[in-house]
Amino acid sequence: MQHQGDVTQINILGTKIYLAAIIDLYSKEVLAYDIRTSPIMYQSVTYEIAK
């Protein structure tokens, strides 16, 4: 399985929110995602895939 990760910053009413997602490159399915106020979260999303 090959997958790709991305972190996107979203500005909501002056507050920065970060969306991290892991996507399966073959099926285009979102395998895991996380929304936080800190951009340092990629490890938490990859941990969800490993479960």
PDB file of N, CA and C in Angstrom:
ATOM      1  N   MET A   1       0.839  -1.169   0.000  1.00  0.00           N
ATOM      2  CA  MET A   1       0.000   0.000   0.000  1.00  0.00           C
ATOM      3  C   MET A   1       0.890   1.240   0.000  1.00  0.00           C
ATOM      4  N   GLN A   2       0.611   2.162  -0.893  1.00  0.00           N
ATOM      5  CA  GLN A   2       1.321   3.433  -0.912  1.00  0.00           C
ATOM      6  C   GLN A   2       0.361   4.520  -0.479  1.00  0.00           C
ATOM      7  N   HIS A   3       0.861   5.402   0.369  1.00  0.00           N
ATOM      8  CA  HIS A   3       0.009   6.484   0.826  1.00  0.00           C
ATOM      9  C   HIS A   3       0.799   7.784   0.866  1.00  0.00           C
ATOM     10  N   GLN A   4       0.060   8.885   0.886  1.00  0.00           N
ATOM     11  CA  GLN A   4       0.641  10.221   0.875  1.00  0.00           C
ATOM     12  C   GLN A   4       0.026  11.026   2.007  1.00  0.00           C
ATOM     13  N   GLY A   5       0.822  11.851   2.650  1.00  0.00           N
ATOM     14  CA  GLY A   5       0.328  12.688   3.734  1.00  0.00           C
ATOM     15  C   GLY A   5       0.448  14.158   3.395  1.00  0.00           C
ATOM     16  N   ASP A   6      -0.411  14.953   4.006  1.00  0.00           N
ATOM     17  CA  ASP A   6      -0.391  16.391   3.784  1.00  0.00           C
ATOM     18  C   ASP A   6      -0.936  17.089   5.022  1.00  0.00           C
ATOM     19  N   VAL A   7      -0.382  18.260   5.321  1.00  0.00           N
ATOM     20  CA  VAL A   7      -0.904  19.111   6.388  1.00  0.00           C
ATOM     21  C   VAL A   7      -1.313  20.431   5.746  1.00  0.00           C
ATOM     22  N   THR A   8      -2.559  20.845   5.983  1.00  0.00           N
ATOM     23  CA  THR A   8      -3.099  22.074   5.417  1.00  0.00           C
ATOM     24  C   THR A   8      -3.485  23.021   6.545  1.00  0.00           C
ATOM     25  N   GLN A   9      -3.074  24.278   6.405  1.00  0.00           N
ATOM     26  CA  GLN A   9      -3.434  25.299   7.393  1.00  0.00           C
ATOM     27  C   GLN A   9      -4.713  25.989   6.940  1.00  0.00           C
ATOM     28  N   ILE A  10      -5.673  26.100   7.856  1.00  0.00           N
ATOM     29  CA  ILE A  10      -6.949  26.749   7.571  1.00  0.00           C
ATOM     30  C   ILE A  10      -7.124  27.875   8.583  1.00  0.00           C
ATOM     31  N   ASN A  11      -7.497  29.058   8.108  1.00  0.00           N
ATOM     32  CA  ASN A  11      -7.711  30.201   8.984  1.00  0.00           C
ATOM     33  C   ASN A  11      -9.211  30.367   9.207  1.00  0.00           C
ATOM     34  N   ILE A  12      -9.658  30.170  10.451  1.00  0.00           N
ATOM     35  CA  ILE A  12     -11.071  30.308  10.792  1.00  0.00           C
ATOM     36  C   ILE A  12     -11.204  31.403  11.842  1.00  0.00           C
ATOM     37  N   LEU A  13     -11.790  32.516  11.434  1.00  0.00           N
ATOM     38  CA  LEU A  13     -12.005  33.657  12.337  1.00  0.00           C
ATOM     39  C   LEU A  13     -10.727  34.068  13.062  1.00  0.00           C
ATOM     40  N   GLY A  14      -9.618  34.088  12.325  1.00  0.00           N
ATOM     41  CA  GLY A  14      -8.341  34.506  12.885  1.00  0.00           C
ATOM     42  C   GLY A  14      -7.585  33.434  13.643  1.00  0.00           C
ATOM     43  N   THR A  15      -8.146  32.239  13.734  1.00  0.00           N
ATOM     44  CA  THR A  15      -7.485  31.129  14.419  1.00  0.00           C
ATOM     45  C   THR A  15      -6.947  30.146  13.390  1.00  0.00           C
ATOM     46  N   LYS A  16      -5.682  29.783  13.537  1.00  0.00           N
ATOM     47  CA  LYS A  16      -5.082  28.814  12.622  1.00  0.00           C
ATOM     48  C   LYS A  16      -5.426  27.401  13.072  1.00  0.00           C
ATOM     49  N   ILE A  17      -6.010  26.640  12.167  1.00  0.00           N
ATOM     50  CA  ILE A  17      -6.353  25.242  12.395  1.00  0.00           C
ATOM     51  C   ILE A  17      -5.573  24.428  11.364  1.00  0.00           C
ATOM     52  N   TYR A  18      -5.090  23.253  11.759  1.00  0.00           N
ATOM     53  CA  TYR A  18      -4.300  22.415  10.864  1.00  0.00           C
ATOM     54  C   TYR A  18      -5.008  21.084  10.643  1.00  0.00           C
ATOM     55  N   LEU A  19      -5.171  20.733   9.383  1.00  0.00           N
ATOM     56  CA  LEU A  19      -5.781  19.464   8.989  1.00  0.00           C
ATOM     57  C   LEU A  19      -4.687  18.589   8.393  1.00  0.00           C
ATOM     58  N   ALA A  20      -4.457  17.441   8.991  1.00  0.00           N
ATOM     59  CA  ALA A  20      -3.496  16.470   8.460  1.00  0.00           C
ATOM     60  C   ALA A  20      -4.289  15.277   7.951  1.00  0.00           C
ATOM     61  N   ALA A  21      -3.938  14.809   6.768  1.00  0.00           N
ATOM     62  CA  ALA A  21      -4.641  13.666   6.190  1.00  0.00           C
ATOM     63  C   ALA A  21      -3.642  12.720   5.540  1.00  0.00           C
ATOM     64  N   ILE A  22      -3.965  11.434   5.589  1.00  0.00           N
ATOM     65  CA  ILE A  22      -3.203  10.393   4.907  1.00  0.00           C
ATOM     66  C   ILE A  22      -4.147   9.768   3.890  1.00  0.00           C
ATOM     67  N   ILE A  23      -3.721   9.735   2.626  1.00  0.00           N
ATOM     68  CA  ILE A  23      -4.561   9.256   1.532  1.00  0.00           C
ATOM     69  C   ILE A  23      -3.893   8.076   0.846  1.00  0.00           C
ATOM     70  N   ASP A  24      -4.671   7.030   0.582  1.00  0.00           N
ATOM     71  CA  ASP A  24      -4.195   5.881  -0.187  1.00  0.00           C
ATOM     72  C   ASP A  24      -4.089   6.320  -1.648  1.00  0.00           C
ATOM     73  N   LEU A  25      -2.910   6.177  -2.247  1.00  0.00           N
ATOM     74  CA  LEU A  25      -2.698   6.655  -3.610  1.00  0.00           C
ATOM     75  C   LEU A  25      -3.439   5.834  -4.660  1.00  0.00           C
ATOM     76  N   TYR A  26      -3.750   4.595  -4.361  1.00  0.00           N
ATOM     77  CA  TYR A  26      -4.447   3.749  -5.331  1.00  0.00           C
ATOM     78  C   TYR A  26      -5.952   4.010  -5.322  1.00  0.00           C
ATOM     79  N   SER A  27      -6.556   3.938  -4.156  1.00  0.00           N
ATOM     80  CA  SER A  27      -8.020   4.060  -4.068  1.00  0.00           C
ATOM     81  C   SER A  27      -8.490   5.497  -3.837  1.00  0.00           C
ATOM     82  N   LYS A  28      -7.564   6.401  -3.518  1.00  0.00           N
ATOM     83  CA  LYS A  28      -7.871   7.800  -3.186  1.00  0.00           C
ATOM     84  C   LYS A  28      -8.693   7.925  -1.904  1.00  0.00           C
ATOM     85  N   GLU A  29      -8.721   6.867  -1.112  1.00  0.00           N
ATOM     86  CA  GLU A  29      -9.464   6.854   0.142  1.00  0.00           C
ATOM     87  C   GLU A  29      -8.654   7.554   1.235  1.00  0.00           C
ATOM     88  N   VAL A  30      -9.330   8.344   2.064  1.00  0.00           N
ATOM     89  CA  VAL A  30      -8.683   8.957   3.220  1.00  0.00           C
ATOM     90  C   VAL A  30      -8.546   7.883   4.287  1.00  0.00           C
ATOM     91  N   LEU A  31      -7.311   7.545   4.635  1.00  0.00           N
ATOM     92  CA  LEU A  31      -7.053   6.494   5.609  1.00  0.00           C
ATOM     93  C   LEU A  31      -7.146   7.011   7.036  1.00  0.00           C
ATOM     94  N   ALA A  32      -6.728   8.243   7.243  1.00  0.00           N
ATOM     95  CA  ALA A  32      -6.772   8.843   8.573  1.00  0.00           C
ATOM     96  C   ALA A  32      -6.677  10.352   8.426  1.00  0.00           C
ATOM     97  N   TYR A  33      -7.240  11.054   9.399  1.00  0.00           N
ATOM     98  CA  TYR A  33      -7.097  12.507   9.420  1.00  0.00           C
ATOM     99  C   TYR A  33      -7.126  12.983  10.864  1.00  0.00           C
ATOM    100  N   ASP A  34      -6.633  14.195  11.063  1.00  0.00           N
ATOM    101  CA  ASP A  34      -6.626  14.787  12.392  1.00  0.00           C
ATOM    102  C   ASP A  34      -6.697  16.294  12.227  1.00  0.00           C
ATOM    103  N   ILE A  35      -7.401  16.962  13.128  1.00  0.00           N
ATOM    104  CA  ILE A  35      -7.520  18.415  13.119  1.00  0.00           C
ATOM    105  C   ILE A  35      -7.037  18.916  14.473  1.00  0.00           C
ATOM    106  N   ARG A  36      -6.073  19.853  14.431  1.00  0.00           N
ATOM    107  CA  ARG A  36      -5.512  20.390  15.678  1.00  0.00           C
ATOM    108  C   ARG A  36      -5.135  21.855  15.502  1.00  0.00           C
ATOM    109  N   THR A  37      -4.746  22.470  16.600  1.00  0.00           N
ATOM    110  CA  THR A  37      -4.300  23.860  16.552  1.00  0.00           C
ATOM    111  C   THR A  37      -2.787  23.962  16.415  1.00  0.00           C
ATOM    112  N   SER A  38      -2.096  22.833  16.313  1.00  0.00           N
ATOM    113  CA  SER A  38      -0.647  22.802  16.141  1.00  0.00           C
ATOM    114  C   SER A  38      -0.305  22.011  14.882  1.00  0.00           C
ATOM    115  N   PRO A  39       0.649  22.488  14.078  1.00  0.00           N
ATOM    116  CA  PRO A  39       1.009  21.750  12.865  1.00  0.00           C
ATOM    117  C   PRO A  39       1.825  20.492  13.143  1.00  0.00           C
ATOM    118  N   ILE A  40       2.255  20.297  14.379  1.00  0.00           N
ATOM    119  CA  ILE A  40       3.081  19.139  14.720  1.00  0.00           C
ATOM    120  C   ILE A  40       2.164  17.998  15.146  1.00  0.00           C
ATOM    121  N   MET A  41       1.627  17.278  14.148  1.00  0.00           N
ATOM    122  CA  MET A  41       0.679  16.208  14.452  1.00  0.00           C
ATOM    123  C   MET A  41       0.800  15.036  13.502  1.00  0.00           C
ATOM    124  N   TYR A  42       1.701  15.107  12.559  1.00  0.00           N
ATOM    125  CA  TYR A  42       1.798  14.062  11.543  1.00  0.00           C
ATOM    126  C   TYR A  42       1.970  12.682  12.175  1.00  0.00           C
ATOM    127  N   GLN A  43       2.724  12.607  13.271  1.00  0.00           N
ATOM    128  CA  GLN A  43       2.942  11.317  13.928  1.00  0.00           C
ATOM    129  C   GLN A  43       1.647  10.743  14.476  1.00  0.00           C
ATOM    130  N   SER A  44       0.766  11.588  14.980  1.00  0.00           N
ATOM    131  CA  SER A  44      -0.496  11.076  15.521  1.00  0.00           C
ATOM    132  C   SER A  44      -1.370  10.498  14.423  1.00  0.00           C
ATOM    133  N   VAL A  45      -1.317  11.080  13.236  1.00  0.00           N
ATOM    134  CA  VAL A  45      -2.107  10.575  12.115  1.00  0.00           C
ATOM    135  C   VAL A  45      -1.531   9.259  11.614  1.00  0.00           C
ATOM    136  N   THR A  46      -0.221   9.161  11.499  1.00  0.00           N
ATOM    137  CA  THR A  46       0.377   7.912  11.029  1.00  0.00           C
ATOM    138  C   THR A  46       0.180   6.799  12.049  1.00  0.00           C
ATOM    139  N   TYR A  47       0.094   7.140  13.319  1.00  0.00           N
ATOM    140  CA  TYR A  47      -0.190   6.141  14.350  1.00  0.00           C
ATOM    141  C   TYR A  47      -1.582   5.544  14.139  1.00  0.00           C
ATOM    142  N   GLU A  48      -2.538   6.354  13.731  1.00  0.00           N
ATOM    143  CA  GLU A  48      -3.899   5.869  13.482  1.00  0.00           C
ATOM    144  C   GLU A  48      -3.908   4.816  12.371  1.00  0.00           C
ATOM    145  N   ILE A  49      -3.072   4.981  11.368  1.00  0.00           N
ATOM    146  CA  ILE A  49      -3.001   4.012  10.271  1.00  0.00           C
ATOM    147  C   ILE A  49      -2.432   2.691  10.772  1.00  0.00           C
ATOM    148  N   ALA A  50      -1.467   2.763  11.673  1.00  0.00           N
ATOM    149  CA  ALA A  50      -0.795   1.557  12.156  1.00  0.00           C
ATOM    150  C   ALA A  50      -1.689   0.686  13.036  1.00  0.00           C
ATOM    151  N   LYS A  51      -2.759   1.246  13.555  1.00  0.00           N
ATOM    152  CA  LYS A  51      -3.648   0.475  14.443  1.00  0.00           C
ATOM    153  C   LYS A  51      -4.284  -0.693  13.733  1.00  0.00           C
TER     154      LYS A  51
END
